[in-house]
Amino acid sequence: MDLFHARQHLWDLARRLYPNEEQWQNAWMTQYKDKLLEEGNIEELVASLRSIQPSSAEVADKIRVEADYFEKNAERMRYPDFRKKHLFVGSGVIEAGCKTVIGSRFKQSGMC
């Protein structure tokens, strides 16, 4: 699971929890992104998300959706383990490789 996309899910939630409060969003992200997500503590992240008392039904639904997302993909988010094995935690390298290979193929003479 691409680390950047996992971070996006947390940022979306931070913006819902603290609309127009960038300082609170950043503080929340420090706790959830740096201390839980990037350290591979996904079960603790999910438990923390589920313990949040939302201000509205819409935010409660967003929390549930995101907690389910992290719970479902927990084994694909063991970023410290992946780094120890010298594996990529982002999809950028693969995306760039595909773009290069496919792009060079289609740019040859006579290709459509």
C-alpha atoms as a PDB file:
ATOM      1  CA  MET A   1       0.000   0.000   0.000  1.00  0.00           C
ATOM      2  CA  ASP A   2       1.487   3.274  -1.109  1.00  0.00           C
ATOM      3  CA  LEU A   3       2.489   5.404   1.904  1.00  0.00           C
ATOM      4  CA  PHE A   4       1.548   8.623   0.123  1.00  0.00           C
ATOM      5  CA  HIS A   5      -2.016   7.400  -0.452  1.00  0.00           C
ATOM      6  CA  ALA A   6      -2.328   6.233   3.150  1.00  0.00           C
ATOM      7  CA  ARG A   7      -1.223   9.696   4.274  1.00  0.00           C
ATOM      8  CA  GLN A   8      -3.858  11.235   1.987  1.00  0.00           C
ATOM      9  CA  HIS A   9      -6.551   9.255   3.780  1.00  0.00           C
ATOM     10  CA  LEU A  10      -5.387  10.680   7.112  1.00  0.00           C
ATOM     11  CA  TRP A  11      -5.172  14.221   5.752  1.00  0.00           C
ATOM     12  CA  ASP A  12      -8.733  13.976   4.424  1.00  0.00           C
ATOM     13  CA  LEU A  13      -9.885  12.921   7.866  1.00  0.00           C
ATOM     14  CA  ALA A  14      -7.884  15.669   9.621  1.00  0.00           C
ATOM     15  CA  ARG A  15      -9.530  18.273   7.396  1.00  0.00           C
ATOM     16  CA  ARG A  16     -12.985  16.898   8.260  1.00  0.00           C
ATOM     17  CA  LEU A  17     -12.232  16.829  11.988  1.00  0.00           C
ATOM     18  CA  TYR A  18     -10.717  20.337  12.089  1.00  0.00           C
ATOM     19  CA  PRO A  19     -12.052  22.384   9.182  1.00  0.00           C
ATOM     20  CA  ASN A  20     -10.304  25.747   8.767  1.00  0.00           C
ATOM     21  CA  GLU A  21      -7.954  24.974  11.676  1.00  0.00           C
ATOM     22  CA  GLU A  22      -4.624  24.199  10.046  1.00  0.00           C
ATOM     23  CA  GLN A  23      -2.726  24.197  13.358  1.00  0.00           C
ATOM     24  CA  TRP A  24      -5.009  21.478  14.784  1.00  0.00           C
ATOM     25  CA  GLN A  25      -4.827  19.503  11.545  1.00  0.00           C
ATOM     26  CA  ASN A  26      -1.020  19.534  11.695  1.00  0.00           C
ATOM     27  CA  ALA A  27      -0.974  18.539  15.367  1.00  0.00           C
ATOM     28  CA  TRP A  28      -3.416  15.697  14.699  1.00  0.00           C
ATOM     29  CA  MET A  29      -1.348  14.504  11.745  1.00  0.00           C
ATOM     30  CA  THR A  30       1.841  14.520  13.823  1.00  0.00           C
ATOM     31  CA  GLN A  31       0.224  12.107  16.239  1.00  0.00           C
ATOM     32  CA  TYR A  32      -1.550   9.857  13.743  1.00  0.00           C
ATOM     33  CA  LYS A  33       0.800   9.954  10.758  1.00  0.00           C
ATOM     34  CA  ASP A  34       4.215  10.133  12.392  1.00  0.00           C
ATOM     35  CA  LYS A  35       3.655   8.065  15.515  1.00  0.00           C
ATOM     36  CA  LEU A  36       1.231   5.450  14.224  1.00  0.00           C
ATOM     37  CA  LEU A  37       1.068   5.129  10.435  1.00  0.00           C
ATOM     38  CA  GLU A  38       4.737   5.526   9.573  1.00  0.00           C
ATOM     39  CA  GLU A  39       5.808   3.367  12.507  1.00  0.00           C
ATOM     40  CA  GLY A  40       3.542   0.551  11.285  1.00  0.00           C
ATOM     41  CA  ASN A  41       1.262   0.624  14.352  1.00  0.00           C
ATOM     42  CA  ILE A  42      -1.842   0.154  12.246  1.00  0.00           C
ATOM     43  CA  GLU A  43      -3.911  -1.665  14.877  1.00  0.00           C
ATOM     44  CA  GLU A  44      -3.291   1.176  17.317  1.00  0.00           C
ATOM     45  CA  LEU A  45      -4.141   3.678  14.573  1.00  0.00           C
ATOM     46  CA  VAL A  46      -7.453   1.923  13.892  1.00  0.00           C
ATOM     47  CA  ALA A  47      -8.295   1.760  17.615  1.00  0.00           C
ATOM     48  CA  SER A  48      -7.489   5.460  18.003  1.00  0.00           C
ATOM     49  CA  LEU A  49      -9.637   6.391  15.029  1.00  0.00           C
ATOM     50  CA  ARG A  50     -12.557   4.369  16.344  1.00  0.00           C
ATOM     51  CA  SER A  51     -12.278   6.084  19.752  1.00  0.00           C
ATOM     52  CA  ILE A  52     -12.756   9.589  18.304  1.00  0.00           C
ATOM     53  CA  GLN A  53     -16.025  11.225  19.328  1.00  0.00           C
ATOM     54  CA  PRO A  54     -17.173  12.983  16.137  1.00  0.00           C
ATOM     55  CA  SER A  55     -19.090  16.237  16.022  1.00  0.00           C
ATOM     56  CA  SER A  56     -21.525  15.073  13.344  1.00  0.00           C
ATOM     57  CA  ALA A  57     -22.908  11.985  11.656  1.00  0.00           C
ATOM     58  CA  GLU A  58     -21.028  12.880   8.477  1.00  0.00           C
ATOM     59  CA  VAL A  59     -17.688  12.950  10.310  1.00  0.00           C
ATOM     60  CA  ALA A  60     -18.583   9.717  12.132  1.00  0.00           C
ATOM     61  CA  ASP A  61     -19.174   8.032   8.783  1.00  0.00           C
ATOM     62  CA  LYS A  62     -15.841   9.322   7.435  1.00  0.00           C
ATOM     63  CA  ILE A  63     -14.037   7.992  10.535  1.00  0.00           C
ATOM     64  CA  ARG A  64     -15.680   4.592  10.102  1.00  0.00           C
ATOM     65  CA  VAL A  65     -14.751   4.418   6.420  1.00  0.00           C
ATOM     66  CA  GLU A  66     -11.131   5.369   7.083  1.00  0.00           C
ATOM     67  CA  ALA A  67     -10.789   3.029  10.081  1.00  0.00           C
ATOM     68  CA  ASP A  68     -12.122   0.193   7.913  1.00  0.00           C
ATOM     69  CA  TYR A  69      -9.648   1.129   5.159  1.00  0.00           C
ATOM     70  CA  PHE A  70      -6.665   0.964   7.517  1.00  0.00           C
ATOM     71  CA  GLU A  71      -7.911  -2.214   9.175  1.00  0.00           C
ATOM     72  CA  LYS A  72      -8.428  -3.969   5.843  1.00  0.00           C
ATOM     73  CA  ASN A  73      -4.977  -2.977   4.549  1.00  0.00           C
ATOM     74  CA  ALA A  74      -2.973  -3.305   7.787  1.00  0.00           C
ATOM     75  CA  GLU A  75      -0.653  -6.032   6.491  1.00  0.00           C
ATOM     76  CA  ARG A  76       0.205  -3.893   3.476  1.00  0.00           C
ATOM     77  CA  MET A  77       1.164  -0.957   5.713  1.00  0.00           C
ATOM     78  CA  ARG A  78       4.099  -2.410   7.654  1.00  0.00           C
ATOM     79  CA  TYR A  79       6.362   0.363   6.407  1.00  0.00           C
ATOM     80  CA  PRO A  80       9.249  -0.150   8.872  1.00  0.00           C
ATOM     81  CA  ASP A  81       9.415  -3.842   7.913  1.00  0.00           C
ATOM     82  CA  PHE A  82       9.384  -2.966   4.220  1.00  0.00           C
ATOM     83  CA  ARG A  83      12.153  -0.408   4.683  1.00  0.00           C
ATOM     84  CA  LYS A  84      14.291  -2.948   6.564  1.00  0.00           C
ATOM     85  CA  LYS A  85      13.973  -5.217   3.515  1.00  0.00           C
ATOM     86  CA  HIS A  86      14.956  -2.299   1.248  1.00  0.00           C
ATOM     87  CA  LEU A  87      11.537  -2.267  -0.410  1.00  0.00           C
ATOM     88  CA  PHE A  88       9.798   0.828  -1.703  1.00  0.00           C
ATOM     89  CA  VAL A  89       6.897   2.195   0.354  1.00  0.00           C
ATOM     90  CA  GLY A  90       5.647   4.398  -2.462  1.00  0.00           C
ATOM     91  CA  SER A  91       4.395   3.651  -5.936  1.00  0.00           C
ATOM     92  CA  GLY A  92       6.338   6.453  -7.639  1.00  0.00           C
ATOM     93  CA  VAL A  93       9.159   4.222  -8.854  1.00  0.00           C
ATOM     94  CA  ILE A  94       6.760   1.744 -10.442  1.00  0.00           C
ATOM     95  CA  GLU A  95       4.611   4.491 -11.950  1.00  0.00           C
ATOM     96  CA  ALA A  96       7.683   6.179 -13.443  1.00  0.00           C
ATOM     97  CA  GLY A  97       8.926   2.854 -14.811  1.00  0.00           C
ATOM     98  CA  CYS A  98       5.595   2.145 -16.490  1.00  0.00           C
ATOM     99  CA  LYS A  99       5.474   5.643 -17.922  1.00  0.00           C
ATOM    100  CA  THR A 100       8.999   5.300 -19.295  1.00  0.00           C
ATOM    101  CA  VAL A 101       8.533   1.840 -20.810  1.00  0.00           C
ATOM    102  CA  ILE A 102       5.069   2.467 -22.259  1.00  0.00           C
ATOM    103  CA  GLY A 103       5.912   6.044 -23.264  1.00  0.00           C
ATOM    104  CA  SER A 104       9.043   5.021 -25.126  1.00  0.00           C
ATOM    105  CA  ARG A 105       7.168   2.236 -26.903  1.00  0.00           C
ATOM    106  CA  PHE A 106       4.414   4.552 -28.156  1.00  0.00           C
ATOM    107  CA  LYS A 107       6.847   7.235 -29.214  1.00  0.00           C
ATOM    108  CA  GLN A 108       8.619   4.980 -31.700  1.00  0.00           C
ATOM    109  CA  SER A 109       8.082   5.461 -35.387  1.00  0.00           C
ATOM    110  CA  GLY A 110       4.785   4.032 -36.630  1.00  0.00           C
ATOM    111  CA  MET A 111       3.290   3.421 -33.167  1.00  0.00           C
ATOM    112  CA  CYS A 112      -0.218   4.496 -32.220  1.00  0.00           C
END
